[in-house]
Amino acid sequence: MAAGLRDVDVVMMLRLQNERMAGAMLPSAQEYFKTFGLTQEKLACAKPDAIVMHPGPMNRGIEIDSSVADGRQSVILPQVTYGIAVRMAVMSILAGNNG
């Protein structure tokens, strides 16, 4: 993960959908977090002004550490907030309500 994060401007985390992982060969939640979870230590590999994104809902302590999700580099709350408005606008246009 360190190599993938090296010098990036944006870190886009995704949600692990536990409900779809039944029978999948996944390690425990703790092992998954240790390997793939975004922590302050891993984020330090990115550029100092890199932003952290996540579409929500988050599995804190599995995909992302709370200190990162709530940290100064996180734009998760605005991303989720504006994402709702954008989806509503797109659906309105597709439905023909753009007059």
PDB file of N, CA and C in Angstrom:
ATOM      1  N   MET A   1       0.821  -1.183   0.000  1.00  0.00           N
ATOM      2  CA  MET A   1       0.000   0.000   0.000  1.00  0.00           C
ATOM      3  C   MET A   1       0.868   1.251   0.000  1.00  0.00           C
ATOM      4  N   ALA A   2       2.007   1.198   0.644  1.00  0.00           N
ATOM      5  CA  ALA A   2       2.893   2.358   0.686  1.00  0.00           C
ATOM      6  C   ALA A   2       3.309   2.787  -0.718  1.00  0.00           C
ATOM      7  N   ALA A   3       3.624   1.825  -1.578  1.00  0.00           N
ATOM      8  CA  ALA A   3       4.022   2.159  -2.946  1.00  0.00           C
ATOM      9  C   ALA A   3       2.869   2.803  -3.706  1.00  0.00           C
ATOM     10  N   GLY A   4       1.664   2.325  -3.504  1.00  0.00           N
ATOM     11  CA  GLY A   4       0.502   2.881  -4.182  1.00  0.00           C
ATOM     12  C   GLY A   4       0.131   4.268  -3.689  1.00  0.00           C
ATOM     13  N   LEU A   5       0.468   4.584  -2.467  1.00  0.00           N
ATOM     14  CA  LEU A   5       0.149   5.885  -1.890  1.00  0.00           C
ATOM     15  C   LEU A   5       1.243   6.925  -2.116  1.00  0.00           C
ATOM     16  N   ARG A   6       2.406   6.474  -2.534  1.00  0.00           N
ATOM     17  CA  ARG A   6       3.547   7.372  -2.649  1.00  0.00           C
ATOM     18  C   ARG A   6       3.260   8.553  -3.564  1.00  0.00           C
ATOM     19  N   ASP A   7       3.345   9.757  -2.996  1.00  0.00           N
ATOM     20  CA  ASP A   7       3.238  11.030  -3.724  1.00  0.00           C
ATOM     21  C   ASP A   7       1.901  11.257  -4.422  1.00  0.00           C
ATOM     22  N   VAL A   8       0.822  10.658  -3.954  1.00  0.00           N
ATOM     23  CA  VAL A   8      -0.473  10.885  -4.596  1.00  0.00           C
ATOM     24  C   VAL A   8      -1.118  12.167  -4.068  1.00  0.00           C
ATOM     25  N   ASP A   9      -2.004  12.731  -4.876  1.00  0.00           N
ATOM     26  CA  ASP A   9      -2.747  13.934  -4.509  1.00  0.00           C
ATOM     27  C   ASP A   9      -4.075  13.602  -3.838  1.00  0.00           C
ATOM     28  N   VAL A  10      -4.651  12.456  -4.223  1.00  0.00           N
ATOM     29  CA  VAL A  10      -5.963  12.049  -3.724  1.00  0.00           C
ATOM     30  C   VAL A  10      -5.925  10.578  -3.355  1.00  0.00           C
ATOM     31  N   VAL A  11      -6.473  10.260  -2.191  1.00  0.00           N
ATOM     32  CA  VAL A  11      -6.623   8.868  -1.773  1.00  0.00           C
ATOM     33  C   VAL A  11      -8.124   8.597  -1.730  1.00  0.00           C
ATOM     34  N   MET A  12      -8.573   7.695  -2.589  1.00  0.00           N
ATOM     35  CA  MET A  12      -9.998   7.358  -2.656  1.00  0.00           C
ATOM     36  C   MET A  12     -10.181   5.968  -2.061  1.00  0.00           C
ATOM     37  N   MET A  13     -10.752   5.924  -0.890  1.00  0.00           N
ATOM     38  CA  MET A  13     -11.029   4.654  -0.243  1.00  0.00           C
ATOM     39  C   MET A  13     -12.419   4.181  -0.655  1.00  0.00           C
ATOM     40  N   LEU A  14     -12.614   2.881  -0.641  1.00  0.00           N
ATOM     41  CA  LEU A  14     -13.908   2.307  -0.966  1.00  0.00           C
ATOM     42  C   LEU A  14     -14.405   1.476   0.201  1.00  0.00           C
ATOM     43  N   ARG A  15     -15.689   1.206   0.205  1.00  0.00           N
ATOM     44  CA  ARG A  15     -16.314   0.463   1.287  1.00  0.00           C
ATOM     45  C   ARG A  15     -16.193  -1.032   1.046  1.00  0.00           C
ATOM     46  N   LEU A  16     -15.769  -1.742   2.071  1.00  0.00           N
ATOM     47  CA  LEU A  16     -15.780  -3.198   2.038  1.00  0.00           C
ATOM     48  C   LEU A  16     -17.203  -3.627   2.370  1.00  0.00           C
ATOM     49  N   GLN A  17     -17.857  -4.259   1.447  1.00  0.00           N
ATOM     50  CA  GLN A  17     -19.244  -4.654   1.654  1.00  0.00           C
ATOM     51  C   GLN A  17     -19.293  -6.023   2.324  1.00  0.00           C
ATOM     52  N   ASN A  18     -19.257  -5.986   3.637  1.00  0.00           N
ATOM     53  CA  ASN A  18     -19.238  -7.216   4.428  1.00  0.00           C
ATOM     54  C   ASN A  18     -20.401  -8.135   4.087  1.00  0.00           C
ATOM     55  N   GLU A  19     -21.562  -7.553   3.812  1.00  0.00           N
ATOM     56  CA  GLU A  19     -22.746  -8.365   3.540  1.00  0.00           C
ATOM     57  C   GLU A  19     -22.618  -9.175   2.257  1.00  0.00           C
ATOM     58  N   ARG A  20     -21.702  -8.807   1.379  1.00  0.00           N
ATOM     59  CA  ARG A  20     -21.497  -9.543   0.131  1.00  0.00           C
ATOM     60  C   ARG A  20     -20.273 -10.453   0.196  1.00  0.00           C
ATOM     61  N   MET A  21     -19.669 -10.548   1.341  1.00  0.00           N
ATOM     62  CA  MET A  21     -18.429 -11.301   1.461  1.00  0.00           C
ATOM     63  C   MET A  21     -18.604 -12.677   2.077  1.00  0.00           C
ATOM     64  N   ALA A  22     -19.822 -13.115   2.245  1.00  0.00           N
ATOM     65  CA  ALA A  22     -20.063 -14.431   2.825  1.00  0.00           C
ATOM     66  C   ALA A  22     -19.379 -15.498   1.971  1.00  0.00           C
ATOM     67  N   GLY A  23     -18.545 -16.281   2.583  1.00  0.00           N
ATOM     68  CA  GLY A  23     -17.843 -17.350   1.888  1.00  0.00           C
ATOM     69  C   GLY A  23     -16.583 -16.902   1.166  1.00  0.00           C
ATOM     70  N   ALA A  24     -16.334 -15.604   1.134  1.00  0.00           N
ATOM     71  CA  ALA A  24     -15.131 -15.099   0.463  1.00  0.00           C
ATOM     72  C   ALA A  24     -13.905 -15.407   1.320  1.00  0.00           C
ATOM     73  N   MET A  25     -12.785 -15.486   0.680  1.00  0.00           N
ATOM     74  CA  MET A  25     -11.531 -15.788   1.378  1.00  0.00           C
ATOM     75  C   MET A  25     -10.915 -14.497   1.914  1.00  0.00           C
ATOM     76  N   LEU A  26     -11.551 -13.921   2.916  1.00  0.00           N
ATOM     77  CA  LEU A  26     -11.045 -12.697   3.519  1.00  0.00           C
ATOM     78  C   LEU A  26     -10.468 -13.003   4.889  1.00  0.00           C
ATOM     79  N   PRO A  27      -9.433 -12.281   5.234  1.00  0.00           N
ATOM     80  CA  PRO A  27      -8.904 -12.438   6.588  1.00  0.00           C
ATOM     81  C   PRO A  27      -9.889 -11.828   7.590  1.00  0.00           C
ATOM     82  N   SER A  28      -9.553 -11.829   8.832  1.00  0.00           N
ATOM     83  CA  SER A  28     -10.398 -11.193   9.841  1.00  0.00           C
ATOM     84  C   SER A  28     -10.424  -9.685   9.585  1.00  0.00           C
ATOM     85  N   ALA A  29     -11.371  -8.999  10.217  1.00  0.00           N
ATOM     86  CA  ALA A  29     -11.461  -7.547  10.072  1.00  0.00           C
ATOM     87  C   ALA A  29     -10.170  -6.875  10.523  1.00  0.00           C
ATOM     88  N   GLN A  30      -9.570  -7.392  11.586  1.00  0.00           N
ATOM     89  CA  GLN A  30      -8.324  -6.819  12.084  1.00  0.00           C
ATOM     90  C   GLN A  30      -7.185  -7.006  11.081  1.00  0.00           C
ATOM     91  N   GLU A  31      -7.119  -8.171  10.488  1.00  0.00           N
ATOM     92  CA  GLU A  31      -6.064  -8.439   9.501  1.00  0.00           C
ATOM     93  C   GLU A  31      -6.289  -7.611   8.235  1.00  0.00           C
ATOM     94  N   TYR A  32      -7.541  -7.487   7.824  1.00  0.00           N
ATOM     95  CA  TYR A  32      -7.860  -6.660   6.660  1.00  0.00           C
ATOM     96  C   TYR A  32      -7.417  -5.222   6.911  1.00  0.00           C
ATOM     97  N   PHE A  33      -7.761  -4.686   8.084  1.00  0.00           N
ATOM     98  CA  PHE A  33      -7.391  -3.312   8.421  1.00  0.00           C
ATOM     99  C   PHE A  33      -5.871  -3.149   8.455  1.00  0.00           C
ATOM    100  N   LYS A  34      -5.199  -4.111   9.036  1.00  0.00           N
ATOM    101  CA  LYS A  34      -3.735  -4.038   9.117  1.00  0.00           C
ATOM    102  C   LYS A  34      -3.119  -3.964   7.719  1.00  0.00           C
ATOM    103  N   THR A  35      -3.674  -4.699   6.774  1.00  0.00           N
ATOM    104  CA  THR A  35      -3.123  -4.756   5.424  1.00  0.00           C
ATOM    105  C   THR A  35      -3.633  -3.626   4.535  1.00  0.00           C
ATOM    106  N   PHE A  36      -4.937  -3.382   4.552  1.00  0.00           N
ATOM    107  CA  PHE A  36      -5.545  -2.467   3.589  1.00  0.00           C
ATOM    108  C   PHE A  36      -6.145  -1.200   4.189  1.00  0.00           C
ATOM    109  N   GLY A  37      -6.293  -1.126   5.488  1.00  0.00           N
ATOM    110  CA  GLY A  37      -6.912   0.044   6.112  1.00  0.00           C
ATOM    111  C   GLY A  37      -6.019   1.267   6.030  1.00  0.00           C
ATOM    112  N   LEU A  38      -6.639   2.425   5.819  1.00  0.00           N
ATOM    113  CA  LEU A  38      -5.878   3.665   5.725  1.00  0.00           C
ATOM    114  C   LEU A  38      -5.677   4.243   7.119  1.00  0.00           C
ATOM    115  N   THR A  39      -4.423   4.328   7.498  1.00  0.00           N
ATOM    116  CA  THR A  39      -4.025   4.886   8.792  1.00  0.00           C
ATOM    117  C   THR A  39      -3.215   6.158   8.560  1.00  0.00           C
ATOM    118  N   GLN A  40      -2.963   6.894   9.619  1.00  0.00           N
ATOM    119  CA  GLN A  40      -2.113   8.086   9.523  1.00  0.00           C
ATOM    120  C   GLN A  40      -0.719   7.721   9.012  1.00  0.00           C
ATOM    121  N   GLU A  41      -0.215   6.587   9.454  1.00  0.00           N
ATOM    122  CA  GLU A  41       1.124   6.153   9.024  1.00  0.00           C
ATOM    123  C   GLU A  41       1.158   5.890   7.522  1.00  0.00           C
ATOM    124  N   LYS A  42       0.133   5.227   6.996  1.00  0.00           N
ATOM    125  CA  LYS A  42       0.090   4.957   5.558  1.00  0.00           C
ATOM    126  C   LYS A  42      -0.168   6.242   4.771  1.00  0.00           C
ATOM    127  N   LEU A  43      -1.032   7.101   5.287  1.00  0.00           N
ATOM    128  CA  LEU A  43      -1.329   8.364   4.621  1.00  0.00           C
ATOM    129  C   LEU A  43      -0.091   9.250   4.518  1.00  0.00           C
ATOM    130  N   ALA A  44       0.849   9.079   5.417  1.00  0.00           N
ATOM    131  CA  ALA A  44       2.088   9.864   5.388  1.00  0.00           C
ATOM    132  C   ALA A  44       2.895   9.616   4.112  1.00  0.00           C
ATOM    133  N   CYS A  45       2.623   8.531   3.401  1.00  0.00           N
ATOM    134  CA  CYS A  45       3.305   8.253   2.130  1.00  0.00           C
ATOM    135  C   CYS A  45       2.798   9.158   1.010  1.00  0.00           C
ATOM    136  N   ALA A  46       1.572   9.654   1.145  1.00  0.00           N
ATOM    137  CA  ALA A  46       0.990  10.534   0.138  1.00  0.00           C
ATOM    138  C   ALA A  46       1.591  11.933   0.291  1.00  0.00           C
ATOM    139  N   LYS A  47       1.267  12.802  -0.646  1.00  0.00           N
ATOM    140  CA  LYS A  47       1.715  14.191  -0.535  1.00  0.00           C
ATOM    141  C   LYS A  47       1.135  14.796   0.736  1.00  0.00           C
ATOM    142  N   PRO A  48       1.833  15.727   1.343  1.00  0.00           N
ATOM    143  CA  PRO A  48       1.354  16.324   2.602  1.00  0.00           C
ATOM    144  C   PRO A  48      -0.018  16.989   2.489  1.00  0.00           C
ATOM    145  N   ASP A  49      -0.366  17.466   1.293  1.00  0.00           N
ATOM    146  CA  ASP A  49      -1.652  18.126   1.110  1.00  0.00           C
ATOM    147  C   ASP A  49      -2.666  17.232   0.383  1.00  0.00           C
ATOM    148  N   ALA A  50      -2.395  15.941   0.325  1.00  0.00           N
ATOM    149  CA  ALA A  50      -3.315  15.006  -0.325  1.00  0.00           C
ATOM    150  C   ALA A  50      -4.650  15.009   0.413  1.00  0.00           C
ATOM    151  N   ILE A  51      -5.725  14.830  -0.348  1.00  0.00           N
ATOM    152  CA  ILE A  51      -7.040  14.731   0.279  1.00  0.00           C
ATOM    153  C   ILE A  51      -7.470  13.269   0.334  1.00  0.00           C
ATOM    154  N   VAL A  52      -8.322  12.969   1.310  1.00  0.00           N
ATOM    155  CA  VAL A  52      -8.837  11.615   1.501  1.00  0.00           C
ATOM    156  C   VAL A  52     -10.324  11.632   1.213  1.00  0.00           C
ATOM    157  N   MET A  53     -10.748  10.713   0.335  1.00  0.00           N
ATOM    158  CA  MET A  53     -12.151  10.606  -0.044  1.00  0.00           C
ATOM    159  C   MET A  53     -12.673   9.205   0.294  1.00  0.00           C
ATOM    160  N   HIS A  54     -13.978   9.122   0.499  1.00  0.00           N
ATOM    161  CA  HIS A  54     -14.657   7.848   0.739  1.00  0.00           C
ATOM    162  C   HIS A  54     -16.132   8.102   0.469  1.00  0.00           C
ATOM    163  N   PRO A  55     -16.783   7.268  -0.350  1.00  0.00           N
ATOM    164  CA  PRO A  55     -18.176   7.539  -0.703  1.00  0.00           C
ATOM    165  C   PRO A  55     -19.176   7.279   0.418  1.00  0.00           C
ATOM    166  N   GLY A  56     -18.755   6.589   1.460  1.00  0.00           N
ATOM    167  CA  GLY A  56     -19.640   6.276   2.563  1.00  0.00           C
ATOM    168  C   GLY A  56     -20.594   5.143   2.198  1.00  0.00           C
ATOM    169  N   PRO A  57     -21.202   4.534   3.137  1.00  0.00           N
ATOM    170  CA  PRO A  57     -20.866   4.648   4.546  1.00  0.00           C
ATOM    171  C   PRO A  57     -19.532   3.968   4.844  1.00  0.00           C
ATOM    172  N   MET A  58     -18.862   4.472   5.837  1.00  0.00           N
ATOM    173  CA  MET A  58     -17.539   3.957   6.184  1.00  0.00           C
ATOM    174  C   MET A  58     -17.635   2.842   7.219  1.00  0.00           C
ATOM    175  N   ASN A  59     -16.730   1.899   7.108  1.00  0.00           N
ATOM    176  CA  ASN A  59     -16.515   0.905   8.153  1.00  0.00           C
ATOM    177  C   ASN A  59     -15.242   1.342   8.868  1.00  0.00           C
ATOM    178  N   ARG A  60     -15.421   2.173   9.876  1.00  0.00           N
ATOM    179  CA  ARG A  60     -14.263   2.687  10.613  1.00  0.00           C
ATOM    180  C   ARG A  60     -13.534   1.536  11.296  1.00  0.00           C
ATOM    181  N   GLY A  61     -12.230   1.587  11.222  1.00  0.00           N
ATOM    182  CA  GLY A  61     -11.424   0.536  11.818  1.00  0.00           C
ATOM    183  C   GLY A  61     -11.286  -0.684  10.930  1.00  0.00           C
ATOM    184  N   ILE A  62     -11.900  -0.656   9.758  1.00  0.00           N
ATOM    185  CA  ILE A  62     -11.752  -1.742   8.787  1.00  0.00           C
ATOM    186  C   ILE A  62     -11.149  -1.186   7.499  1.00  0.00           C
ATOM    187  N   GLU A  63     -11.786  -0.161   6.934  1.00  0.00           N
ATOM    188  CA  GLU A  63     -11.262   0.456   5.715  1.00  0.00           C
ATOM    189  C   GLU A  63     -10.401   1.670   6.039  1.00  0.00           C
ATOM    190  N   ILE A  64     -10.791   2.381   7.078  1.00  0.00           N
ATOM    191  CA  ILE A  64     -10.158   3.663   7.371  1.00  0.00           C
ATOM    192  C   ILE A  64     -10.173   3.912   8.871  1.00  0.00           C
ATOM    193  N   ASP A  65      -9.091   4.450   9.362  1.00  0.00           N
ATOM    194  CA  ASP A  65      -8.982   4.788  10.779  1.00  0.00           C
ATOM    195  C   ASP A  65      -9.767   6.073  11.040  1.00  0.00           C
ATOM    196  N   SER A  66     -10.427   6.167  12.176  1.00  0.00           N
ATOM    197  CA  SER A  66     -11.207   7.360  12.504  1.00  0.00           C
ATOM    198  C   SER A  66     -10.368   8.622  12.486  1.00  0.00           C
ATOM    199  N   SER A  67      -9.110   8.531  12.896  1.00  0.00           N
ATOM    200  CA  SER A  67      -8.253   9.720  12.902  1.00  0.00           C
ATOM    201  C   SER A  67      -8.015  10.245  11.491  1.00  0.00           C
ATOM    202  N   VAL A  68      -8.051   9.376  10.493  1.00  0.00           N
ATOM    203  CA  VAL A  68      -7.919   9.793   9.100  1.00  0.00           C
ATOM    204  C   VAL A  68      -9.264  10.311   8.590  1.00  0.00           C
ATOM    205  N   ALA A  69     -10.339   9.577   8.861  1.00  0.00           N
ATOM    206  CA  ALA A  69     -11.674   9.959   8.394  1.00  0.00           C
ATOM    207  C   ALA A  69     -12.084  11.329   8.923  1.00  0.00           C
ATOM    208  N   ASP A  70     -11.678  11.641  10.136  1.00  0.00           N
ATOM    209  CA  ASP A  70     -12.039  12.910  10.766  1.00  0.00           C
ATOM    210  C   ASP A  70     -10.902  13.930  10.711  1.00  0.00           C
ATOM    211  N   GLY A  71      -9.813  13.575  10.047  1.00  0.00           N
ATOM    212  CA  GLY A  71      -8.618  14.414  10.036  1.00  0.00           C
ATOM    213  C   GLY A  71      -8.688  15.588   9.089  1.00  0.00           C
ATOM    214  N   ARG A  72      -7.653  16.394   9.114  1.00  0.00           N
ATOM    215  CA  ARG A  72      -7.605  17.631   8.331  1.00  0.00           C
ATOM    216  C   ARG A  72      -7.567  17.384   6.827  1.00  0.00           C
ATOM    217  N   GLN A  73      -7.128  16.201   6.394  1.00  0.00           N
ATOM    218  CA  GLN A  73      -7.043  15.907   4.966  1.00  0.00           C
ATOM    219  C   GLN A  73      -8.318  15.292   4.402  1.00  0.00           C
ATOM    220  N   SER A  74      -9.247  14.976   5.266  1.00  0.00           N
ATOM    221  CA  SER A  74     -10.480  14.327   4.850  1.00  0.00           C
ATOM    222  C   SER A  74     -11.451  15.322   4.223  1.00  0.00           C
ATOM    223  N   VAL A  75     -12.007  14.939   3.080  1.00  0.00           N
ATOM    224  CA  VAL A  75     -13.093  15.700   2.446  1.00  0.00           C
ATOM    225  C   VAL A  75     -14.328  14.792   2.326  1.00  0.00           C
ATOM    226  N   ILE A  76     -14.394  13.807   3.194  1.00  0.00           N
ATOM    227  CA  ILE A  76     -15.442  12.796   3.119  1.00  0.00           C
ATOM    228  C   ILE A  76     -16.830  13.398   3.364  1.00  0.00           C
ATOM    229  N   LEU A  77     -16.981  14.193   4.391  1.00  0.00           N
ATOM    230  CA  LEU A  77     -18.299  14.755   4.695  1.00  0.00           C
ATOM    231  C   LEU A  77     -18.820  15.625   3.542  1.00  0.00           C
ATOM    232  N   PRO A  78     -18.033  16.571   3.001  1.00  0.00           N
ATOM    233  CA  PRO A  78     -18.533  17.324   1.847  1.00  0.00           C
ATOM    234  C   PRO A  78     -18.786  16.430   0.632  1.00  0.00           C
ATOM    235  N   GLN A  79     -17.933  15.439   0.418  1.00  0.00           N
ATOM    236  CA  GLN A  79     -18.108  14.524  -0.714  1.00  0.00           C
ATOM    237  C   GLN A  79     -19.462  13.828  -0.620  1.00  0.00           C
ATOM    238  N   VAL A  80     -19.793  13.304   0.540  1.00  0.00           N
ATOM    239  CA  VAL A  80     -21.057  12.596   0.720  1.00  0.00           C
ATOM    240  C   VAL A  80     -22.228  13.581   0.600  1.00  0.00           C
ATOM    241  N   THR A  81     -22.091  14.746   1.213  1.00  0.00           N
ATOM    242  CA  THR A  81     -23.154  15.754   1.168  1.00  0.00           C
ATOM    243  C   THR A  81     -23.435  16.204  -0.261  1.00  0.00           C
ATOM    244  N   TYR A  82     -22.400  16.576  -1.005  1.00  0.00           N
ATOM    245  CA  TYR A  82     -22.589  17.056  -2.374  1.00  0.00           C
ATOM    246  C   TYR A  82     -22.973  15.915  -3.312  1.00  0.00           C
ATOM    247  N   GLY A  83     -22.523  14.721  -3.011  1.00  0.00           N
ATOM    248  CA  GLY A  83     -22.855  13.569  -3.850  1.00  0.00           C
ATOM    249  C   GLY A  83     -24.348  13.328  -3.915  1.00  0.00           C
ATOM    250  N   ILE A  84     -25.049  13.562  -2.823  1.00  0.00           N
ATOM    251  CA  ILE A  84     -26.500  13.395  -2.804  1.00  0.00           C
ATOM    252  C   ILE A  84     -27.146  14.389  -3.759  1.00  0.00           C
ATOM    253  N   ALA A  85     -26.736  15.652  -3.686  1.00  0.00           N
ATOM    254  CA  ALA A  85     -27.303  16.676  -4.567  1.00  0.00           C
ATOM    255  C   ALA A  85     -26.998  16.380  -6.032  1.00  0.00           C
ATOM    256  N   VAL A  86     -25.802  15.928  -6.315  1.00  0.00           N
ATOM    257  CA  VAL A  86     -25.431  15.613  -7.696  1.00  0.00           C
ATOM    258  C   VAL A  86     -26.283  14.457  -8.226  1.00  0.00           C
ATOM    259  N   ARG A  87     -26.443  13.412  -7.435  1.00  0.00           N
ATOM    260  CA  ARG A  87     -27.272  12.280  -7.881  1.00  0.00           C
ATOM    261  C   ARG A  87     -28.726  12.703  -8.087  1.00  0.00           C
ATOM    262  N   MET A  88     -29.234  13.556  -7.213  1.00  0.00           N
ATOM    263  CA  MET A  88     -30.605  14.039  -7.369  1.00  0.00           C
ATOM    264  C   MET A  88     -30.749  14.844  -8.660  1.00  0.00           C
ATOM    265  N   ALA A  89     -29.776  15.686  -8.957  1.00  0.00           N
ATOM    266  CA  ALA A  89     -29.821  16.493 -10.181  1.00  0.00           C
ATOM    267  C   ALA A  89     -29.758  15.606 -11.424  1.00  0.00           C
ATOM    268  N   VAL A  90     -28.890  14.625 -11.415  1.00  0.00           N
ATOM    269  CA  VAL A  90     -28.770  13.721 -12.565  1.00  0.00           C
ATOM    270  C   VAL A  90     -30.069  12.950 -12.758  1.00  0.00           C
ATOM    271  N   MET A  91     -30.630  12.448 -11.687  1.00  0.00           N
ATOM    272  CA  MET A  91     -31.884  11.698 -11.806  1.00  0.00           C
ATOM    273  C   MET A  91     -33.014  12.597 -12.307  1.00  0.00           C
ATOM    274  N   SER A  92     -33.045  13.853 -11.876  1.00  0.00           N
ATOM    275  CA  SER A  92     -34.054  14.786 -12.347  1.00  0.00           C
ATOM    276  C   SER A  92     -33.911  15.041 -13.832  1.00  0.00           C
ATOM    277  N   ILE A  93     -32.691  15.225 -14.304  1.00  0.00           N
ATOM    278  CA  ILE A  93     -32.446  15.441 -15.730  1.00  0.00           C
ATOM    279  C   ILE A  93     -32.860  14.196 -16.528  1.00  0.00           C
ATOM    280  N   LEU A  94     -32.474  13.031 -16.036  1.00  0.00           N
ATOM    281  CA  LEU A  94     -32.838  11.795 -16.738  1.00  0.00           C
ATOM    282  C   LEU A  94     -34.338  11.562 -16.784  1.00  0.00           C
ATOM    283  N   ALA A  95     -35.030  12.040 -15.760  1.00  0.00           N
ATOM    284  CA  ALA A  95     -36.478  11.892 -15.700  1.00  0.00           C
ATOM    285  C   ALA A  95     -37.196  12.952 -16.544  1.00  0.00           C
ATOM    286  N   GLY A  96     -36.428  13.881 -17.110  1.00  0.00           N
ATOM    287  CA  GLY A  96     -37.015  14.910 -17.961  1.00  0.00           C
ATOM    288  C   GLY A  96     -37.541  16.110 -17.203  1.00  0.00           C
ATOM    289  N   ASN A  97     -37.108  16.281 -15.970  1.00  0.00           N
ATOM    290  CA  ASN A  97     -37.553  17.411 -15.147  1.00  0.00           C
ATOM    291  C   ASN A  97     -36.556  18.558 -15.194  1.00  0.00           C
ATOM    292  N   ASN A  98     -36.008  18.854 -16.337  1.00  0.00           N
ATOM    293  CA  ASN A  98     -34.962  19.868 -16.423  1.00  0.00           C
ATOM    294  C   ASN A  98     -35.484  21.184 -17.019  1.00  0.00           C
ATOM    295  N   GLY A  99     -36.744  21.416 -16.960  1.00  0.00           N
ATOM    296  CA  GLY A  99     -37.327  22.625 -17.530  1.00  0.00           C
ATOM    297  C   GLY A  99     -37.467  23.665 -16.534  1.00  0.00           C
TER     298      GLY A  99
END
